[in-house]
């Protein structure tokens, strides 16, 4: 019997987004395969997480493509991007927290591509006058990642209604990123 790798990865992603400490036995059970079969495909948790990372990159790149981040006002493009990431939000939240396990290793080139594309969106919004210029595109990108993860966790725990995911993230991010005519307060 052939094992559907995509099914195993998506099952693992669903389980690990709910329970990040799930064991390989629990992942195998959730996927409906034996631990030995899971181990033949993924030598251990690190190999599984790396495969999930590849899936996360694929999902993010697909969301960026679907969001058409180079079209229309940057504010609308950010809204489309958040909406397009919603189906992968749990996986992205898991990967966001797991990245600490790989600290010190070279960043996956896929994440670098994604960073560049999102930073380009924020840079475009700054050039058009929609977004504040005192916040770097790199920082706005990191803030977006943090909000996506927080939103996924809040929805998973029932603290936020799934229908409010996109609205709450976009409003919080852009409420702080939109340029205003009010002078900035200086820190004391």
Protein backbone atom coordinates (compact mmCIF):
# COMPACT_ATOMS: atom_id res chain seq x y z
CA UNK A 1 0.00 0.00 0.00
CA UNK A 2 1.46 3.33 -1.09
CA UNK A 3 1.60 6.10 1.46
CA UNK A 4 0.20 9.46 0.37
CA UNK A 5 2.99 11.77 1.53
CA UNK A 6 0.86 14.88 1.12
CA UNK A 7 -1.86 13.34 3.32
CA UNK A 8 0.71 12.45 5.97
CA UNK A 9 2.19 15.97 5.92
CA UNK A 10 -1.19 17.70 6.08
CA UNK A 11 -2.31 15.39 8.88
CA UNK A 12 0.93 16.07 10.77
CA UNK A 13 0.49 19.80 10.20
CA UNK A 14 -3.08 19.70 11.51
CA UNK A 15 -2.04 17.73 14.59
CA UNK A 16 1.08 19.74 15.34
CA UNK A 17 -0.76 23.05 15.01
CA UNK A 18 -3.10 21.88 17.77
CA UNK A 19 -0.45 20.08 19.81
CA UNK A 20 3.11 21.13 18.97
CA UNK A 21 4.56 18.51 21.33
CA UNK A 22 2.85 15.58 19.59
CA UNK A 23 5.07 12.52 19.30
CA UNK A 24 5.90 10.67 16.11
CA UNK A 25 3.59 7.88 17.38
CA UNK A 26 0.73 10.37 17.62
CA UNK A 27 1.48 11.72 14.13
CA UNK A 28 1.51 8.18 12.70
CA UNK A 29 -1.76 7.31 14.45
CA UNK A 30 -3.43 10.50 13.18
CA UNK A 31 -2.25 9.74 9.62
CA UNK A 32 -3.52 6.16 9.86
CA UNK A 33 -0.10 4.58 9.36
CA UNK A 34 2.36 2.74 11.58
CA UNK A 35 5.25 4.47 13.28
CA UNK A 36 7.62 2.33 11.19
CA UNK A 37 5.99 3.58 7.98
CA UNK A 38 6.18 7.17 9.19
CA UNK A 39 9.84 6.63 10.07
CA UNK A 40 10.58 5.27 6.56
CA UNK A 41 9.33 8.55 5.11
CA UNK A 42 10.66 10.87 7.83
CA UNK A 43 13.70 9.65 9.78
CA UNK A 44 12.64 11.62 12.84
CA UNK A 45 10.92 14.75 14.05
CA UNK A 46 13.56 17.03 12.49
CA UNK A 47 13.00 15.45 9.07
CA UNK A 48 9.24 15.79 9.50
CA UNK A 49 9.55 19.44 10.51
CA UNK A 50 11.81 20.12 7.51
CA UNK A 51 9.19 18.56 5.23
CA UNK A 52 6.52 20.68 6.91
CA UNK A 53 8.73 23.71 6.37
CA UNK A 54 8.82 22.93 2.63
CA UNK A 55 5.02 22.62 2.67
CA UNK A 56 4.75 25.93 4.55
CA UNK A 57 6.95 27.66 1.98
CA UNK A 58 4.83 26.20 -0.82
CA UNK A 59 1.64 27.42 0.90
CA UNK A 60 3.07 30.92 1.46
CA UNK A 61 4.26 31.26 -2.11
CA UNK A 62 0.85 30.13 -3.36
CA UNK A 63 -0.82 32.69 -1.06
CA UNK A 64 1.47 35.45 -2.35
CA UNK A 65 0.65 34.51 -5.95
CA UNK A 66 -3.10 34.36 -5.28
CA UNK A 67 -3.03 37.69 -3.40
CA UNK A 68 -1.53 39.49 -6.40
CA UNK A 69 0.53 41.67 -4.06
CA UNK A 70 1.82 43.81 -6.91
CA UNK A 71 -1.69 44.92 -7.96
CA UNK A 72 -3.85 47.75 -6.65
CA UNK A 73 -3.33 49.74 -3.48
CA UNK A 74 -0.85 48.17 -1.07
CA UNK A 75 -3.42 48.21 1.75
CA UNK A 76 -5.78 46.05 -0.31
CA UNK A 77 -2.90 43.74 -1.27
CA UNK A 78 -2.07 43.20 2.41
CA UNK A 79 -5.72 42.35 3.06
CA UNK A 80 -5.73 39.84 0.19
CA UNK A 81 -2.46 38.31 1.43
CA UNK A 82 -3.76 37.77 4.97
CA UNK A 83 -6.98 36.28 3.60
CA UNK A 84 -5.02 33.92 1.32
CA UNK A 85 -2.80 32.70 4.18
CA UNK A 86 -5.75 31.83 6.41
CA UNK A 87 -6.03 28.19 5.32
CA UNK A 88 -2.34 27.62 6.16
CA UNK A 89 -2.30 29.80 9.28
CA UNK A 90 -2.05 26.92 11.74
CA UNK A 91 0.89 25.38 9.91
CA UNK A 92 2.59 28.76 9.68
CA UNK A 93 2.06 29.34 13.41
CA UNK A 94 3.63 25.97 14.17
CA UNK A 95 6.61 26.72 11.90
CA UNK A 96 6.94 30.21 13.41
CA UNK A 97 7.43 28.65 16.84
CA UNK A 98 9.55 25.74 15.56
CA UNK A 99 12.11 28.00 13.87
CA UNK A 100 13.80 28.40 17.23
CA UNK A 101 14.85 24.75 17.05
CA UNK A 102 16.92 25.49 13.97
CA UNK A 103 18.49 28.68 15.25
CA UNK A 104 22.01 29.18 13.98
CA UNK A 105 21.42 27.21 10.80
CA UNK A 106 21.26 28.97 7.46
CA UNK A 107 17.80 30.28 6.56
CA UNK A 108 15.94 28.26 3.97
CA UNK A 109 16.09 30.07 0.62
CA UNK A 110 12.32 29.74 0.32
CA UNK A 111 11.74 31.88 3.41
CA UNK A 112 14.18 34.46 2.02
CA UNK A 113 12.13 34.63 -1.21
CA UNK A 114 8.93 35.07 0.78
CA UNK A 115 10.53 37.77 2.96
CA UNK A 116 11.64 39.64 -0.17
CA UNK A 117 8.17 39.53 -1.71
CA UNK A 118 6.40 40.74 1.43
CA UNK A 119 9.01 43.44 2.07
CA UNK A 120 8.49 44.61 -1.54
CA UNK A 121 4.77 44.99 -0.82
CA UNK A 122 5.45 47.13 2.25
CA UNK A 123 8.08 49.14 0.37
CA UNK A 124 5.54 49.77 -2.41
CA UNK A 125 3.04 50.97 0.19
CA UNK A 126 5.65 53.33 1.63
CA UNK A 127 6.49 54.73 -1.80
CA UNK A 128 2.81 55.33 -2.57
CA UNK A 129 2.34 57.15 0.76
CA UNK A 130 -0.02 54.55 2.22
CA UNK A 131 2.34 53.26 4.92
CA UNK A 132 4.57 54.97 7.42
CA UNK A 133 8.18 55.32 6.36
CA UNK A 134 9.63 55.24 9.87
CA UNK A 135 8.99 51.46 10.10
CA UNK A 136 11.24 49.33 7.91
CA UNK A 137 9.73 46.86 5.46
CA UNK A 138 11.68 44.11 7.26
CA UNK A 139 10.02 45.04 10.57
CA UNK A 140 6.55 45.22 9.02
CA UNK A 141 7.16 41.75 7.55
CA UNK A 142 8.16 40.33 10.94
CA UNK A 143 5.13 42.00 12.55
CA UNK A 144 2.89 40.39 9.93
CA UNK A 145 4.37 36.95 10.66
CA UNK A 146 3.79 37.43 14.38
CA UNK A 147 0.19 38.52 13.84
CA UNK A 148 -0.51 35.61 11.48
CA UNK A 149 0.76 33.17 14.11
CA UNK A 150 -1.09 34.89 16.95
CA UNK A 151 -4.28 34.97 14.90
CA UNK A 152 -4.01 31.25 14.14
CA UNK A 153 -3.49 30.41 17.81
CA UNK A 154 -6.38 32.64 18.91
CA UNK A 155 -8.74 31.03 16.39
CA UNK A 156 -7.57 27.50 17.31
CA UNK A 157 -8.19 28.20 21.01
CA UNK A 158 -11.63 29.72 20.35
CA UNK A 159 -10.67 33.22 21.52
CA UNK A 160 -11.30 34.68 18.07
CA UNK A 161 -14.01 33.71 15.60
CA UNK A 162 -12.55 32.29 12.37
CA UNK A 163 -14.54 34.84 10.36
CA UNK A 164 -12.67 37.66 12.18
CA UNK A 165 -9.14 36.34 11.47
CA UNK A 166 -8.37 38.50 8.43
CA UNK A 167 -10.09 41.63 9.71
CA UNK A 168 -8.36 41.60 13.09
CA UNK A 169 -4.88 41.03 11.67
CA UNK A 170 -5.16 43.61 8.91
CA UNK A 171 -6.71 46.24 11.17
CA UNK A 172 -4.08 45.85 13.87
CA UNK A 173 -1.15 45.73 11.45
CA UNK A 174 -2.27 48.57 9.22
CA UNK A 175 -3.70 50.63 12.04
CA UNK A 176 -0.11 50.95 13.22
CA UNK A 177 1.43 51.11 9.75
CA UNK A 178 -0.78 53.67 8.05
CA UNK A 179 0.70 57.12 7.68
CA UNK A 180 -1.09 59.82 9.64
CA UNK A 181 -0.78 63.58 9.61
CA UNK A 182 -0.45 63.74 13.37
CA UNK A 183 3.03 64.48 14.69
CA UNK A 184 4.80 61.61 16.41
CA UNK A 185 5.12 61.71 20.16
CA UNK A 186 8.67 61.45 21.38
CA UNK A 187 9.51 58.94 24.09
CA UNK A 188 10.34 60.58 27.47
